[in-house]
């Protein structure tokens, strides 16, 4: 069929980076976004659950998916204007890391701190991905999407996307929008973010005194490679737990009790705590139960050492969350989408 491919009873084991064995009743891979309306009207799809999946780097399947998994396989990067800042429209199916490296090669600034994040461009605004003091929302002008409720293509401007920490309109209204393209605005010159999580020290180690964006990107690659396990080597979904945002009074109380508490300001009267510090201090870093584990390299990372099921991985994640709550009175939340499990 032109523009898309359908597979029944499809394995998802190679389509999620936690390497969980799961199946979808139907897998639809779409290469032409204009075919979405036609595809979504199929009776086998129209009245069944629908899950849009990118590279599967931000999802945990705790069982099979009894519905349609839709994979956006669209491609294309178009520079619409290029003055002091460039407006760039990117298809949802483009790999995020490929796009970041393309921007660096073209001499644009801003994306350097977001290099080596797995996933697709279409998934980036949904999660408002971020790393090393930078969030993708800073560069998103608008998002093009198919509105399932209104049965039409919509263009949502930056304000309408309602970006927040690892959050957006798309997460608050799950199942309504299918992102088809993202429009970015990227400058040629921009003040670099080098004061976060060891970037400055890494640049010094590299012998770089006057860094350019590609130097910062190289430093971030070094840091991520040292800290985070490679999904091609061991199943994982990157950071599994969000850094919790709490009242500053609670953060101050915890800091008095725990001298090493790591936190950052998060707006008036709020503080962001390091989930990695909480998990490690509670004794969970490196924990392994069967093939489900917490990485011994980074306490935020849930790992699959071999054949752990989604249920086993989720059970361990819940144990970690319960342990942190008991130790510090702080409730952690998962960063990935957990399919088939109750989160209350």
Protein backbone atom coordinates (compact mmCIF):
# COMPACT_ATOMS: atom_id res chain seq x y z
CA UNK A 1 0.00 0.00 0.00
CA UNK A 2 1.32 3.40 -0.96
CA UNK A 3 2.71 5.38 1.93
CA UNK A 4 2.36 2.81 4.70
CA UNK A 5 2.86 -0.83 5.68
CA UNK A 6 0.65 -2.97 7.94
CA UNK A 7 1.81 -6.01 9.93
CA UNK A 8 -0.52 -8.14 12.09
CA UNK A 9 0.56 -9.67 15.42
CA UNK A 10 3.85 -7.77 15.18
CA UNK A 11 6.78 -8.23 17.53
CA UNK A 12 7.89 -5.05 19.34
CA UNK A 13 11.07 -6.57 20.82
CA UNK A 14 13.32 -4.71 18.40
CA UNK A 15 11.23 -1.54 18.57
CA UNK A 16 11.88 -0.66 22.21
CA UNK A 17 15.31 0.03 23.69
CA UNK A 18 14.53 -1.83 26.92
CA UNK A 19 14.37 -4.96 24.70
CA UNK A 20 11.13 -6.12 26.25
CA UNK A 21 9.36 -8.94 24.43
CA UNK A 22 5.90 -7.62 23.52
CA UNK A 23 3.54 -7.73 20.55
CA UNK A 24 1.05 -5.39 18.94
CA UNK A 25 -2.19 -6.58 17.37
CA UNK A 26 -1.33 -4.38 14.40
CA UNK A 27 1.79 -2.41 13.46
CA UNK A 28 1.38 0.45 10.99
CA UNK A 29 4.52 2.06 9.63
CA UNK A 30 3.74 5.26 7.77
CA UNK A 31 6.11 6.93 5.29
CA UNK A 32 3.75 9.62 3.99
CA UNK A 33 2.01 11.77 6.61
CA UNK A 34 -0.74 12.72 4.14
CA UNK A 35 -1.95 9.11 4.30
CA UNK A 36 -2.77 9.35 8.01
CA UNK A 37 -6.48 10.22 7.56
CA UNK A 38 -6.95 7.24 5.24
CA UNK A 39 -5.10 4.88 7.55
CA UNK A 40 -6.93 5.96 10.69
CA UNK A 41 -10.31 5.28 9.08
CA UNK A 42 -9.62 1.56 8.69
CA UNK A 43 -12.19 -0.30 10.88
CA UNK A 44 -9.41 -2.40 12.43
CA UNK A 45 -7.73 0.85 13.58
CA UNK A 46 -10.56 3.34 14.08
CA UNK A 47 -12.18 1.70 17.11
CA UNK A 48 -9.10 0.22 18.77
CA UNK A 49 -6.39 1.65 21.07
CA UNK A 50 -3.66 3.54 19.21
CA UNK A 51 -0.06 4.08 20.30
CA UNK A 52 2.36 6.28 18.36
CA UNK A 53 5.89 4.92 18.69
CA UNK A 54 9.17 6.51 17.67
CA UNK A 55 12.37 4.57 18.32
CA UNK A 56 10.91 3.08 21.50
CA UNK A 57 13.48 4.82 23.68
CA UNK A 58 10.90 6.31 26.01
CA UNK A 59 8.47 3.46 26.60
CA UNK A 60 8.14 0.38 28.82
CA UNK A 61 5.76 -2.35 27.69
CA UNK A 62 4.48 -4.35 30.66
CA UNK A 63 2.56 -6.63 28.29
CA UNK A 64 1.28 -6.92 24.74
CA UNK A 65 -0.51 -3.95 23.16
CA UNK A 66 -4.05 -4.85 22.11
CA UNK A 67 -4.39 -2.25 19.39
CA UNK A 68 -2.40 -0.48 16.69
CA UNK A 69 1.16 0.72 17.14
CA UNK A 70 1.77 3.54 14.68
CA UNK A 71 5.39 4.20 13.67
CA UNK A 72 6.11 7.50 11.91
CA UNK A 73 8.77 6.70 9.31
CA UNK A 74 8.53 10.03 7.48
CA UNK A 75 11.73 11.77 6.43
CA UNK A 76 12.76 15.27 5.43
CA UNK A 77 14.61 18.38 6.66
CA UNK A 78 13.72 21.69 4.99
CA UNK A 79 15.38 25.04 5.67
CA UNK A 80 12.55 27.55 5.15
CA UNK A 81 14.58 30.68 5.89
CA UNK A 82 18.17 31.32 6.98
CA UNK A 83 19.18 34.78 8.23
CA UNK A 84 20.59 35.36 11.71
CA UNK A 85 18.31 32.51 12.74
CA UNK A 86 17.08 29.67 10.58
CA UNK A 87 13.55 28.28 10.42
CA UNK A 88 13.80 24.56 9.81
CA UNK A 89 10.89 22.14 9.27
CA UNK A 90 11.69 18.52 10.14
CA UNK A 91 9.58 15.41 9.54
CA UNK A 92 8.55 13.50 12.65
CA UNK A 93 10.30 10.30 11.62
CA UNK A 94 13.80 11.78 11.41
CA UNK A 95 16.21 10.45 14.05
CA UNK A 96 16.82 13.10 16.68
CA UNK A 97 20.58 12.57 16.96
CA UNK A 98 20.98 12.67 13.18
CA UNK A 99 19.17 16.01 13.11
CA UNK A 100 21.30 17.45 15.92
CA UNK A 101 24.50 16.46 14.12
CA UNK A 102 23.12 17.97 10.89
CA UNK A 103 22.49 21.31 12.65
CA UNK A 104 26.06 21.36 13.95
CA UNK A 105 27.40 20.58 10.50
CA UNK A 106 25.38 23.48 9.06
CA UNK A 107 26.82 25.89 11.63
CA UNK A 108 23.67 26.37 13.71
CA UNK A 109 23.83 26.74 17.51
CA UNK A 110 21.57 25.57 20.30
CA UNK A 111 21.27 21.81 19.86
CA UNK A 112 24.77 20.94 21.08
CA UNK A 113 23.67 20.02 24.62
CA UNK A 114 20.97 17.72 23.23
CA UNK A 115 23.24 15.46 21.21
CA UNK A 116 23.14 11.65 21.58
CA UNK A 117 19.57 11.55 22.91
CA UNK A 118 17.81 8.55 21.34
CA UNK A 119 14.43 8.88 19.67
CA UNK A 120 12.76 10.71 16.82
CA UNK A 121 12.16 14.38 16.10
CA UNK A 122 8.40 13.87 16.49
CA UNK A 123 8.82 12.55 20.02
CA UNK A 124 11.06 15.44 21.13
CA UNK A 125 8.35 18.06 21.81
CA UNK A 126 5.98 15.54 23.39
CA UNK A 127 8.46 14.80 26.17
CA UNK A 128 10.12 18.22 25.92
CA UNK A 129 13.41 16.36 25.95
CA UNK A 130 16.27 17.97 27.79
CA UNK A 131 19.82 17.43 28.94
CA UNK A 132 22.74 19.37 30.39
CA UNK A 133 20.73 22.50 31.18
CA UNK A 134 18.87 22.72 27.85
CA UNK A 135 15.36 21.78 26.70
CA UNK A 136 14.09 21.37 23.15
CA UNK A 137 11.20 23.75 23.88
CA UNK A 138 13.66 26.66 23.66
CA UNK A 139 13.93 26.11 19.90
CA UNK A 140 10.46 24.91 18.89
CA UNK A 141 8.48 27.51 16.96
CA UNK A 142 5.53 25.24 16.16
CA UNK A 143 4.42 21.63 15.89
CA UNK A 144 2.35 20.22 13.03
CA UNK A 145 0.06 17.37 14.01
CA UNK A 146 -3.00 15.40 13.02
CA UNK A 147 -5.77 16.18 15.50
CA UNK A 148 -7.64 12.91 15.97
CA UNK A 149 -10.53 14.61 17.76
CA UNK A 150 -11.12 17.23 15.06
CA UNK A 151 -9.99 15.11 12.10
CA UNK A 152 -7.70 17.75 10.63
CA UNK A 153 -4.11 18.91 10.42
CA UNK A 154 -3.29 21.59 12.99
CA UNK A 155 -0.26 23.80 13.56
CA UNK A 156 0.30 24.46 17.25
CA UNK A 157 2.48 27.44 18.11
CA UNK A 158 4.99 27.44 20.94
CA UNK A 159 2.59 28.85 23.53
CA UNK A 160 -0.15 26.36 22.67
CA UNK A 161 2.28 23.46 23.12
CA UNK A 162 2.39 24.41 26.85
CA UNK A 163 5.90 23.14 27.44
CA UNK A 164 7.06 22.37 30.97
CA UNK A 165 9.69 20.12 32.54
CA UNK A 166 9.44 16.82 30.62
CA UNK A 167 5.88 17.80 29.79
CA UNK A 168 3.72 19.38 27.10
CA UNK A 169 0.16 19.67 25.80
CA UNK A 170 0.72 16.38 23.99
CA UNK A 171 1.28 14.50 27.26
CA UNK A 172 -1.65 16.24 28.97
CA UNK A 173 -4.01 15.28 26.16
CA UNK A 174 -2.76 11.78 25.37
CA UNK A 175 -4.15 10.16 22.28
CA UNK A 176 -5.35 13.39 20.66
CA UNK A 177 -2.42 14.46 18.49
CA UNK A 178 -0.10 12.62 16.12
CA UNK A 179 2.96 14.80 15.52
CA UNK A 180 3.85 14.91 11.84
CA UNK A 181 6.53 17.64 11.77
CA UNK A 182 8.33 20.12 14.03
CA UNK A 183 9.48 23.61 13.06
CA UNK A 184 12.61 24.87 14.84
CA UNK A 185 14.25 28.28 15.01
CA UNK A 186 18.02 28.00 15.41
CA UNK A 187 20.52 30.88 15.64
CA UNK A 188 23.97 31.03 14.10
CA UNK A 189 25.40 32.42 17.32
CA UNK A 190 24.27 31.86 20.87
CA UNK A 191 25.76 31.91 24.35
CA UNK A 192 26.91 28.38 25.10
CA UNK A 193 25.69 26.41 28.12
CA UNK A 194 28.91 25.10 29.64
CA UNK A 195 28.23 25.38 33.37
CA UNK A 196 26.06 22.29 33.78
CA UNK A 197 26.97 18.79 34.99
CA UNK A 198 30.65 18.72 34.18
CA UNK A 199 30.67 20.27 30.69
CA UNK A 200 33.18 22.96 31.69
CA UNK A 201 35.50 20.38 33.27
CA UNK A 202 35.23 18.15 30.20
CA UNK A 203 36.10 21.07 27.91
CA UNK A 204 39.17 21.78 30.04
CA UNK A 205 40.17 18.12 29.82
CA UNK A 206 39.82 18.44 26.03
CA UNK A 207 42.11 21.50 26.11
CA UNK A 208 39.43 23.83 24.70
CA UNK A 209 39.59 27.40 26.03
CA UNK A 210 37.23 29.06 23.53
CA UNK A 211 34.55 26.48 22.76
CA UNK A 212 32.30 26.46 19.72
CA UNK A 213 29.01 24.53 19.63
CA UNK A 214 30.69 21.44 18.18
CA UNK A 215 33.17 21.43 21.11
CA UNK A 216 30.27 21.45 23.59
CA UNK A 217 28.61 18.64 21.63
CA UNK A 218 31.81 16.58 21.81
CA UNK A 219 32.02 17.20 25.56
CA UNK A 220 28.41 16.08 26.03
CA UNK A 221 29.06 12.94 23.97
CA UNK A 222 32.02 12.12 26.24
CA UNK A 223 29.93 12.69 29.38
CA UNK A 224 26.91 10.71 28.19
CA UNK A 225 29.08 7.84 26.98
CA UNK A 226 30.84 7.62 30.34
CA UNK A 227 27.68 7.91 32.43
CA UNK A 228 24.94 6.14 30.50
CA UNK A 229 24.93 2.54 29.27
CA UNK A 230 24.61 2.01 25.52
CA UNK A 231 21.17 0.56 24.56
CA UNK A 232 22.94 -1.47 21.85
CA UNK A 233 24.92 -3.21 24.61
CA UNK A 234 22.36 -3.47 27.42
CA UNK A 235 18.64 -2.76 27.23
CA UNK A 236 17.65 0.59 28.75
CA UNK A 237 15.54 3.67 28.10
CA UNK A 238 17.98 6.27 29.35
CA UNK A 239 16.87 8.17 32.43
CA UNK A 240 13.86 6.27 33.77
CA UNK A 241 12.98 8.61 36.64
CA UNK A 242 12.22 12.34 36.51
CA UNK A 243 14.04 14.74 38.81
CA UNK A 244 11.25 15.58 41.28
CA UNK A 245 10.20 19.20 41.77
CA UNK A 246 9.21 19.94 45.37
CA UNK A 247 8.48 22.89 47.65
CA UNK A 248 11.67 24.65 48.66
CA UNK A 249 10.78 24.19 52.32
CA UNK A 250 10.93 20.42 51.86
CA UNK A 251 14.21 20.71 49.94
CA UNK A 252 15.70 22.85 52.72
CA UNK A 253 14.54 20.36 55.36
CA UNK A 254 16.09 17.47 53.45
CA UNK A 255 19.32 19.44 52.98
CA UNK A 256 19.59 19.90 56.74
CA UNK A 257 19.20 16.16 57.25
CA UNK A 258 21.38 15.13 54.29
CA UNK A 259 24.41 17.34 53.69
CA UNK A 260 25.08 15.91 50.23
CA UNK A 261 21.60 16.51 48.79
CA UNK A 262 21.82 17.73 45.18
CA UNK A 263 19.20 20.28 44.13
CA UNK A 264 18.62 23.24 41.83
CA UNK A 265 16.21 26.22 41.91
CA UNK A 266 13.02 25.50 39.95
CA UNK A 267 11.09 28.74 40.09
CA UNK A 268 9.61 30.69 42.95
CA UNK A 269 9.25 28.52 46.03
CA UNK A 270 10.22 25.33 44.19
CA UNK A 271 13.34 23.19 43.98
CA UNK A 272 14.35 20.35 41.66
CA UNK A 273 16.01 17.42 43.42
CA UNK A 274 18.46 14.99 41.85
CA UNK A 275 16.59 11.71 41.45
CA UNK A 276 19.93 9.98 40.86
CA UNK A 277 21.20 11.19 44.26
CA UNK A 278 17.99 10.09 46.00
CA UNK A 279 18.09 6.63 44.40
CA UNK A 280 21.78 6.08 45.07
CA UNK A 281 21.55 7.33 48.67
CA UNK A 282 18.58 5.01 49.24
CA UNK A 283 20.85 2.12 48.22
CA UNK A 284 19.40 1.12 44.85
CA UNK A 285 22.24 1.93 42.46
CA UNK A 286 23.51 -1.31 40.92
CA UNK A 287 20.64 -3.38 42.35
CA UNK A 288 19.69 -6.43 40.31
CA UNK A 289 16.69 -8.72 40.63
CA UNK A 290 16.94 -11.45 38.02
CA UNK A 291 17.56 -9.68 34.73
CA UNK A 292 15.94 -6.43 35.91
CA UNK A 293 18.34 -3.91 37.40
CA UNK A 294 19.40 -0.38 38.16
CA UNK A 295 22.59 0.56 36.34
CA UNK A 296 25.78 0.63 38.39
CA UNK A 297 26.92 3.52 36.17
CA UNK A 298 23.95 5.83 36.70
CA UNK A 299 21.20 5.42 39.28
CA UNK A 300 18.52 6.92 37.00
CA UNK A 301 18.81 4.11 34.46
CA UNK A 302 16.63 1.00 34.60
CA UNK A 303 18.34 -1.81 32.68
CA UNK A 304 17.43 -5.17 31.20
CA UNK A 305 20.37 -7.53 31.70
CA UNK A 306 18.89 -10.09 29.33
CA UNK A 307 15.36 -11.42 29.34
CA UNK A 308 13.55 -9.37 31.96
CA UNK A 309 9.87 -8.91 31.20
CA UNK A 310 8.20 -5.54 31.26
CA UNK A 311 6.34 -6.60 34.40
CA UNK A 312 9.62 -7.44 36.14
CA UNK A 313 11.21 -4.14 35.15
CA UNK A 314 8.17 -2.18 36.32
CA UNK A 315 8.10 -4.08 39.63
CA UNK A 316 11.72 -3.07 40.26
CA UNK A 317 11.00 0.54 39.31
CA UNK A 318 8.11 0.57 41.78
CA UNK A 319 10.38 -0.83 44.48
CA UNK A 320 12.82 2.02 43.86
CA UNK A 321 10.06 4.63 43.96
CA UNK A 322 8.64 3.17 47.17
CA UNK A 323 12.12 3.11 48.75
CA UNK A 324 12.83 6.74 47.91
CA UNK A 325 9.41 7.74 49.25
CA UNK A 326 10.08 5.90 52.50
CA UNK A 327 13.58 7.38 52.89
CA UNK A 328 12.94 10.99 51.88
CA UNK A 329 9.20 11.55 51.61
CA UNK A 330 9.62 12.34 47.90
CA UNK A 331 7.54 10.67 45.20
CA UNK A 332 9.46 9.80 42.03
CA UNK A 333 7.70 9.53 38.68
CA UNK A 334 8.73 7.51 35.63
CA UNK A 335 9.96 9.49 32.64
CA UNK A 336 9.02 6.94 29.96
CA UNK A 337 5.46 6.00 29.06
CA UNK A 338 4.54 2.80 30.89
CA UNK A 339 2.13 0.79 28.74
CA UNK A 340 -0.31 -1.58 30.46
CA UNK A 341 0.37 -0.63 34.08
CA UNK A 342 -1.51 1.52 36.56
CA UNK A 343 0.50 4.51 37.75
CA UNK A 344 -1.61 5.43 40.77
